[in-house]
């Protein structure tokens, strides 16, 4: 599996977007990352080829606390409007 080193200012989200891969597939390919929102420059991460299996995506979703579908409404999340409420 190919890999890359995290650069200053990067996140798993930005890496997934740059590599044109699914974010949950990237998280699933890197189970050594306990908090996908906290990665460090210089950290080595694996880049999956193709999309991870639904089982892997589901495990990654549980680790991240988001829905395997990636839809915020599936986990009761919401966004604030411009007034902050």
C-alpha atoms as a PDB file:
ATOM      1  CA  UNK A   1       0.000   0.000   0.000  1.00  0.00           C
ATOM      2  CA  UNK A   2       1.440   3.434  -0.892  1.00  0.00           C
ATOM      3  CA  UNK A   3       2.146   5.885   1.910  1.00  0.00           C
ATOM      4  CA  UNK A   4       2.877   9.562   2.431  1.00  0.00           C
ATOM      5  CA  UNK A   5       4.310  11.776   5.158  1.00  0.00           C
ATOM      6  CA  UNK A   6       2.035  14.365   6.693  1.00  0.00           C
ATOM      7  CA  UNK A   7       3.123  17.928   5.909  1.00  0.00           C
ATOM      8  CA  UNK A   8       2.626  20.981   8.150  1.00  0.00           C
ATOM      9  CA  UNK A   9      -1.005  22.123   8.038  1.00  0.00           C
ATOM     10  CA  UNK A  10      -2.383  18.915   6.521  1.00  0.00           C
ATOM     11  CA  UNK A  11      -5.285  16.903   7.862  1.00  0.00           C
ATOM     12  CA  UNK A  12      -6.602  13.507   6.869  1.00  0.00           C
ATOM     13  CA  UNK A  13      -9.449  15.366   5.178  1.00  0.00           C
ATOM     14  CA  UNK A  14      -7.084  17.512   3.077  1.00  0.00           C
ATOM     15  CA  UNK A  15      -4.938  14.487   2.190  1.00  0.00           C
ATOM     16  CA  UNK A  16      -8.016  12.501   1.144  1.00  0.00           C
ATOM     17  CA  UNK A  17      -9.207  15.406  -0.982  1.00  0.00           C
ATOM     18  CA  UNK A  18      -5.777  15.884  -2.614  1.00  0.00           C
ATOM     19  CA  UNK A  19      -5.415  12.160  -3.311  1.00  0.00           C
ATOM     20  CA  UNK A  20      -9.052  11.976  -4.508  1.00  0.00           C
ATOM     21  CA  UNK A  21      -9.954   9.196  -2.105  1.00  0.00           C
ATOM     22  CA  UNK A  22     -12.759   8.681   0.363  1.00  0.00           C
ATOM     23  CA  UNK A  23     -11.987  10.095   3.837  1.00  0.00           C
ATOM     24  CA  UNK A  24     -13.350   7.068   5.692  1.00  0.00           C
ATOM     25  CA  UNK A  25     -11.275   4.769   3.484  1.00  0.00           C
ATOM     26  CA  UNK A  26      -8.177   6.775   4.472  1.00  0.00           C
ATOM     27  CA  UNK A  27      -9.106   6.506   8.156  1.00  0.00           C
ATOM     28  CA  UNK A  28      -9.782   2.764   7.753  1.00  0.00           C
ATOM     29  CA  UNK A  29      -6.351   2.263   6.147  1.00  0.00           C
ATOM     30  CA  UNK A  30      -4.673   3.845   9.187  1.00  0.00           C
ATOM     31  CA  UNK A  31      -5.947   2.111  12.340  1.00  0.00           C
ATOM     32  CA  UNK A  32      -2.784   3.228  14.161  1.00  0.00           C
ATOM     33  CA  UNK A  33      -4.249   6.761  14.244  1.00  0.00           C
ATOM     34  CA  UNK A  34      -6.417   6.823  17.354  1.00  0.00           C
ATOM     35  CA  UNK A  35      -7.768  10.339  16.702  1.00  0.00           C
ATOM     36  CA  UNK A  36      -8.167  11.073  12.978  1.00  0.00           C
ATOM     37  CA  UNK A  37      -8.542  14.758  13.822  1.00  0.00           C
ATOM     38  CA  UNK A  38      -5.050  14.853  15.315  1.00  0.00           C
ATOM     39  CA  UNK A  39      -2.163  13.980  13.016  1.00  0.00           C
ATOM     40  CA  UNK A  40       1.354  15.348  13.188  1.00  0.00           C
ATOM     41  CA  UNK A  41       3.771  16.624  10.519  1.00  0.00           C
ATOM     42  CA  UNK A  42       6.178  13.847   9.597  1.00  0.00           C
ATOM     43  CA  UNK A  43       3.729  11.107  10.527  1.00  0.00           C
ATOM     44  CA  UNK A  44       3.615   8.303   7.956  1.00  0.00           C
ATOM     45  CA  UNK A  45       0.143   7.347   6.752  1.00  0.00           C
ATOM     46  CA  UNK A  46      -1.020   4.673   4.325  1.00  0.00           C
ATOM     47  CA  UNK A  47      -2.893   5.690   1.186  1.00  0.00           C
ATOM     48  CA  UNK A  48      -5.494   3.101   0.186  1.00  0.00           C
ATOM     49  CA  UNK A  49      -5.967   2.121  -3.415  1.00  0.00           C
ATOM     50  CA  UNK A  50      -9.685   2.166  -4.110  1.00  0.00           C
ATOM     51  CA  UNK A  51     -12.443   2.325  -1.555  1.00  0.00           C
ATOM     52  CA  UNK A  52     -12.290   0.398   1.713  1.00  0.00           C
ATOM     53  CA  UNK A  53     -14.820  -2.339   2.370  1.00  0.00           C
ATOM     54  CA  UNK A  54     -18.047  -1.369   4.095  1.00  0.00           C
ATOM     55  CA  UNK A  55     -16.880  -3.264   7.206  1.00  0.00           C
ATOM     56  CA  UNK A  56     -13.653  -1.239   7.339  1.00  0.00           C
ATOM     57  CA  UNK A  57     -15.563   1.996   6.711  1.00  0.00           C
ATOM     58  CA  UNK A  58     -17.975   1.110   9.531  1.00  0.00           C
ATOM     59  CA  UNK A  59     -15.114   0.454  11.972  1.00  0.00           C
ATOM     60  CA  UNK A  60     -13.504   3.747  10.935  1.00  0.00           C
ATOM     61  CA  UNK A  61     -16.823   5.532  11.408  1.00  0.00           C
ATOM     62  CA  UNK A  62     -17.134   4.145  14.941  1.00  0.00           C
ATOM     63  CA  UNK A  63     -13.571   5.348  15.713  1.00  0.00           C
ATOM     64  CA  UNK A  64     -14.364   8.838  14.406  1.00  0.00           C
ATOM     65  CA  UNK A  65     -17.864   9.062  15.826  1.00  0.00           C
ATOM     66  CA  UNK A  66     -19.466   9.721  12.454  1.00  0.00           C
ATOM     67  CA  UNK A  67     -21.889   7.796  10.311  1.00  0.00           C
ATOM     68  CA  UNK A  68     -20.450   5.314   7.794  1.00  0.00           C
ATOM     69  CA  UNK A  69     -22.524   7.160   5.203  1.00  0.00           C
ATOM     70  CA  UNK A  70     -20.699  10.387   6.063  1.00  0.00           C
ATOM     71  CA  UNK A  71     -24.037  12.150   6.469  1.00  0.00           C
ATOM     72  CA  UNK A  72     -24.216  14.356   9.556  1.00  0.00           C
ATOM     73  CA  UNK A  73     -27.952  13.798  10.002  1.00  0.00           C
ATOM     74  CA  UNK A  74     -27.308  10.075  10.499  1.00  0.00           C
ATOM     75  CA  UNK A  75     -25.594  10.797  13.821  1.00  0.00           C
ATOM     76  CA  UNK A  76     -27.790  13.671  14.963  1.00  0.00           C
ATOM     77  CA  UNK A  77     -25.251  16.348  14.068  1.00  0.00           C
ATOM     78  CA  UNK A  78     -26.401  19.738  12.886  1.00  0.00           C
ATOM     79  CA  UNK A  79     -24.934  22.975  11.642  1.00  0.00           C
ATOM     80  CA  UNK A  80     -25.364  26.469  12.989  1.00  0.00           C
ATOM     81  CA  UNK A  81     -26.974  29.127  10.879  1.00  0.00           C
ATOM     82  CA  UNK A  82     -25.318  32.502  10.331  1.00  0.00           C
ATOM     83  CA  UNK A  83     -26.748  33.820  13.615  1.00  0.00           C
ATOM     84  CA  UNK A  84     -25.081  30.991  15.535  1.00  0.00           C
ATOM     85  CA  UNK A  85     -28.251  29.157  16.488  1.00  0.00           C
END
